[in-house]
Amino acid sequence: MKKTHVALFIALILIADQALKIYIKTQYPINTSKHVIGDWFQFYFVENPGMAYGWKFGGNWGKLALTIFRMAAVVGGTWYLGHIIKKGYKTGFIICAALVYAGAFGNLIDSMFYGMIFDKGMLFDPLMGDYVSYDGLAHFSSNGYSSFLHGNVVDMFYFPIIKGHFPTWFPIWGGEYFEFFRPIFNIADAAISTGVITIFLFQRRFLGLRPGQNESHTVETGAIIDDHTQVS
């Protein structure tokens, strides 16, 4: 698989991710939703100061640490993608790695720049120990709501497919309300999850013998001889 093809694939994911995020950020008041298909598929605008699917920790310092981690992951991912393309890894594995890379890069863009280019966003209140919401629509502005590396990630996909209450006899959560699928996420999160899960499911197929590796059979036994077995 060529580097230009991988770069184009990543660019398309980033463009789709950022276009939808900017649309949601500027057209929806925070914590509001719109039904797309029935009740089970909604655009629900939330801001996420932490990790994927709304997980967060540590206030501003935790957020800064996460942003720096994303930056390190993108830098390392740039080298790794070039490495596996050069070494001729299987196309499926390269695509999955590109999905993870694009997802990390997409959310990194939000964390790095959204606080600087939008006039409104959630801010951490030390007295409350949590992030505080805001009113109205956000707009592009040279006077941002925060600084470099302190922007919030925009999430919008919400799939409350099943709602209800656990039966009263159910252990621990008996009678409590439940909802599936509750997390709200974005295209970047979906790209990361798809890449990681697919690699996990097909790792033996992806990481088997690669193009260019030698494979032959002995006349006597028919056993496979490759680079690894010869060294062994």
Protein backbone atom coordinates (compact mmCIF):
# COMPACT_ATOMS: atom_id res chain seq x y z
CA MET A 1 0.00 0.00 0.00
CA LYS A 2 1.43 3.37 -1.02
CA LYS A 3 2.05 6.25 1.40
CA THR A 4 -0.01 8.60 -0.77
CA HIS A 5 -3.04 6.31 -0.48
CA VAL A 6 -2.68 6.12 3.30
CA ALA A 7 -2.25 9.90 3.54
CA LEU A 8 -5.38 10.46 1.44
CA PHE A 9 -7.35 8.01 3.58
CA ILE A 10 -6.28 9.79 6.78
CA ALA A 11 -7.02 13.21 5.26
CA LEU A 12 -10.57 12.17 4.32
CA ILE A 13 -11.25 10.99 7.89
CA LEU A 14 -9.85 14.22 9.34
CA ILE A 15 -11.89 16.40 6.97
CA ALA A 16 -15.12 14.53 7.73
CA ASP A 17 -14.39 14.60 11.47
CA GLN A 18 -13.58 18.31 11.62
CA ALA A 19 -16.39 19.36 9.28
CA LEU A 20 -19.00 17.62 11.42
CA LYS A 21 -17.50 18.90 14.67
CA ILE A 22 -17.46 22.51 13.46
CA TYR A 23 -21.02 22.19 12.19
CA ILE A 24 -22.27 20.80 15.51
CA LYS A 25 -20.26 23.30 17.57
CA THR A 26 -21.61 26.32 15.70
CA GLN A 27 -25.20 25.17 15.05
CA TYR A 28 -26.24 23.39 18.27
CA PRO A 29 -26.45 24.80 21.78
CA ILE A 30 -24.48 22.57 24.10
CA ASN A 31 -26.35 19.61 25.62
CA THR A 32 -29.10 19.71 23.00
CA SER A 33 -30.03 16.94 20.59
CA LYS A 34 -31.71 16.33 17.25
CA HIS A 35 -33.25 13.03 16.18
CA VAL A 36 -31.68 11.77 12.96
CA ILE A 37 -33.33 8.34 12.66
CA GLY A 38 -36.12 7.66 15.12
CA ASP A 39 -35.16 7.77 18.79
CA TRP A 40 -32.16 5.49 18.47
CA PHE A 41 -29.85 7.72 16.39
CA GLN A 42 -29.37 11.32 17.51
CA PHE A 43 -26.95 14.20 17.20
CA TYR A 44 -26.37 15.17 20.82
CA PHE A 45 -23.83 17.95 21.27
CA VAL A 46 -21.54 17.61 24.26
CA GLU A 47 -18.02 18.80 24.90
CA ASN A 48 -15.49 16.36 26.21
CA PRO A 49 -12.48 17.77 28.09
CA GLY A 50 -10.99 14.32 28.54
CA MET A 51 -10.57 11.03 26.73
CA ALA A 52 -12.75 9.22 24.22
CA TYR A 53 -16.44 8.66 24.98
CA GLY A 54 -16.54 11.38 27.63
CA TRP A 55 -14.07 9.92 30.13
CA LYS A 56 -12.08 12.54 31.99
CA PHE A 57 -9.82 13.04 34.98
CA GLY A 58 -7.63 15.58 36.74
CA GLY A 59 -9.14 18.91 35.75
CA ASN A 60 -6.91 21.22 33.70
CA TRP A 61 -3.73 19.32 34.55
CA GLY A 62 -5.29 16.03 33.54
CA LYS A 63 -6.51 17.59 30.32
CA LEU A 64 -3.06 18.98 29.54
CA ALA A 65 -1.51 15.57 30.20
CA LEU A 66 -4.01 13.92 27.84
CA THR A 67 -3.31 16.45 25.11
CA ILE A 68 0.45 15.93 25.40
CA PHE A 69 -0.13 12.17 25.32
CA ARG A 70 -2.16 12.59 22.11
CA MET A 71 0.65 14.65 20.60
CA ALA A 72 3.21 11.98 21.47
CA ALA A 73 0.91 9.30 20.03
CA VAL A 74 0.54 11.21 16.76
CA VAL A 75 4.29 11.80 16.45
CA GLY A 76 5.02 8.15 17.18
CA GLY A 77 2.18 7.07 14.92
CA THR A 78 3.62 9.06 12.01
CA TRP A 79 6.87 7.12 12.26
CA TYR A 80 5.11 3.79 12.78
CA LEU A 81 2.84 4.19 9.76
CA GLY A 82 5.84 4.95 7.57
CA HIS A 83 7.63 1.92 9.01
CA ILE A 84 4.86 -0.63 8.38
CA ILE A 85 4.24 0.73 4.87
CA LYS A 86 7.94 0.45 4.05
CA LYS A 87 8.12 -3.07 5.48
CA GLY A 88 5.15 -4.18 3.41
CA TYR A 89 2.71 -5.07 6.17
CA LYS A 90 -0.67 -6.33 5.05
CA THR A 91 -3.11 -3.74 3.71
CA GLY A 92 -5.75 -4.51 6.34
CA PHE A 93 -3.32 -3.86 9.18
CA ILE A 94 -2.10 -0.62 7.60
CA ILE A 95 -5.70 0.59 7.18
CA CYS A 96 -6.48 -0.19 10.83
CA ALA A 97 -3.33 1.60 11.99
CA ALA A 98 -4.30 4.58 9.84
CA LEU A 99 -7.77 4.61 11.44
CA VAL A 100 -6.25 4.77 14.93
CA TYR A 101 -3.80 7.45 13.81
CA ALA A 102 -6.50 9.58 12.16
CA GLY A 103 -8.72 9.31 15.22
CA ALA A 104 -5.97 10.40 17.58
CA PHE A 105 -5.04 13.25 15.24
CA GLY A 106 -8.67 14.37 14.90
CA ASN A 107 -9.20 14.70 18.64
CA LEU A 108 -5.76 16.29 19.04
CA ILE A 109 -6.81 19.11 16.70
CA ASP A 110 -9.75 19.89 19.00
CA SER A 111 -7.58 19.84 22.12
CA MET A 112 -4.89 22.01 20.60
CA PHE A 113 -6.88 24.68 18.78
CA TYR A 114 -10.60 24.80 19.67
CA GLY A 115 -9.97 26.82 22.83
CA MET A 116 -8.25 29.45 20.69
CA ILE A 117 -10.67 29.71 17.74
CA PHE A 118 -14.12 29.53 19.41
CA ASP A 119 -15.54 32.13 21.76
CA LYS A 120 -17.40 29.63 23.97
CA GLY A 121 -16.54 26.32 25.52
CA MET A 122 -16.71 24.42 28.79
CA LEU A 123 -14.25 25.69 31.41
CA PHE A 124 -12.92 24.04 34.54
CA ASP A 125 -14.09 25.63 37.81
CA PRO A 126 -11.64 24.81 40.64
CA LEU A 127 -14.25 25.59 43.30
CA MET A 128 -16.75 23.14 41.85
CA GLY A 129 -14.06 20.69 40.79
CA ASP A 130 -15.76 20.20 37.43
CA TYR A 131 -16.28 21.75 34.01
CA VAL A 132 -18.97 24.42 33.66
CA SER A 133 -21.24 24.67 30.63
CA TYR A 134 -22.23 27.83 28.73
CA ASP A 135 -25.27 29.38 27.05
CA GLY A 136 -25.94 30.09 23.39
CA LEU A 137 -24.14 29.11 20.21
CA ALA A 138 -20.38 29.19 19.84
CA HIS A 139 -18.80 31.25 17.07
CA PHE A 140 -15.37 31.57 15.53
CA SER A 141 -13.41 34.27 17.33
CA SER A 142 -9.88 35.53 17.78
CA ASN A 143 -10.69 35.76 21.50
CA GLY A 144 -10.95 32.10 22.40
CA TYR A 145 -12.48 30.61 25.51
CA SER A 146 -9.18 28.97 26.48
CA SER A 147 -5.54 28.63 25.47
CA PHE A 148 -3.40 26.37 23.31
CA LEU A 149 -3.69 22.69 24.35
CA HIS A 150 -6.78 23.37 26.49
CA GLY A 151 -9.61 23.05 23.98
CA ASN A 152 -12.47 20.59 24.41
CA VAL A 153 -13.27 17.75 22.04
CA VAL A 154 -16.68 17.94 20.33
CA ASP A 155 -18.84 14.79 20.50
CA MET A 156 -22.20 14.23 18.84
CA PHE A 157 -23.10 10.61 17.97
CA TYR A 158 -25.66 9.18 20.38
CA PHE A 159 -27.30 5.78 19.99
CA PRO A 160 -29.78 5.11 22.83
CA ILE A 161 -30.91 1.89 21.16
CA ILE A 162 -32.40 0.27 24.26
CA LYS A 163 -33.85 2.05 27.28
CA GLY A 164 -35.58 0.64 30.31
CA HIS A 165 -35.19 -0.55 33.89
CA PHE A 166 -33.50 -3.63 35.23
CA PRO A 167 -35.93 -6.15 36.78
CA THR A 168 -36.22 -5.78 40.53
CA TRP A 169 -34.69 -9.24 41.01
CA PHE A 170 -31.56 -8.29 39.02
CA PRO A 171 -28.41 -8.32 41.22
CA ILE A 172 -26.93 -4.95 42.30
CA TRP A 173 -28.81 -2.82 39.73
CA GLY A 174 -32.32 -4.18 40.30
CA GLY A 175 -34.96 -1.58 39.41
CA GLU A 176 -32.41 0.97 38.17
CA TYR A 177 -32.65 2.71 34.79
CA PHE A 178 -30.34 1.50 32.04
CA GLU A 179 -29.56 2.64 28.53
CA PHE A 180 -27.68 1.02 25.68
CA PHE A 181 -25.63 2.58 24.04
CA ARG A 182 -25.04 5.54 26.40
CA PRO A 183 -21.62 7.04 25.47
CA ILE A 184 -21.58 9.99 23.07
CA PHE A 185 -18.71 10.02 20.59
CA ASN A 186 -17.42 11.42 17.29
CA ILE A 187 -15.92 10.19 14.02
CA ALA A 188 -12.42 10.21 15.49
CA ASP A 189 -13.49 8.02 18.42
CA ALA A 190 -15.23 5.64 16.02
CA ALA A 191 -12.09 5.43 13.87
CA ILE A 192 -9.92 4.56 16.88
CA SER A 193 -12.36 1.93 18.15
CA THR A 194 -12.82 0.37 14.71
CA GLY A 195 -9.08 0.15 14.13
CA VAL A 196 -8.26 -1.31 17.55
CA ILE A 197 -11.11 -3.84 17.57
CA THR A 198 -10.36 -5.01 14.01
CA ILE A 199 -6.66 -5.49 14.80
CA PHE A 200 -7.60 -7.48 17.91
CA LEU A 201 -10.00 -9.72 15.97
CA PHE A 202 -7.73 -10.33 12.98
CA GLN A 203 -4.27 -9.99 14.50
CA ARG A 204 -3.12 -13.45 13.38
CA ARG A 205 -4.15 -12.74 9.81
CA PHE A 206 -2.68 -9.23 9.80
CA LEU A 207 0.62 -10.10 11.47
CA GLY A 208 1.32 -13.36 9.65
CA LEU A 209 3.80 -13.80 6.83
CA ARG A 210 4.17 -10.53 4.90
CA PRO A 211 4.81 -9.97 1.20
CA GLY A 212 8.52 -10.34 0.43
CA GLN A 213 9.20 -12.91 3.15
CA ASN A 214 10.47 -16.22 1.86
CA GLU A 215 8.39 -19.33 2.33
CA SER A 216 9.21 -22.79 0.99
CA HIS A 217 8.69 -26.44 1.89
CA THR A 218 11.27 -29.16 2.43
CA VAL A 219 11.06 -32.13 0.10
CA GLU A 220 11.21 -34.66 2.92
CA THR A 221 8.64 -33.27 5.37
CA GLY A 222 6.74 -30.46 3.64
CA ALA A 223 7.45 -28.22 6.66
CA ILE A 224 7.33 -24.49 6.04
CA ILE A 225 10.71 -22.76 5.99
CA ASP A 226 10.68 -18.99 6.43
CA ASP A 227 13.01 -16.34 7.78
CA HIS A 228 11.93 -17.03 11.37
CA THR A 229 12.34 -20.82 11.32
CA GLN A 230 15.73 -20.58 9.62
CA VAL A 231 17.02 -18.35 12.42
CA SER A 232 15.54 -20.66 15.03
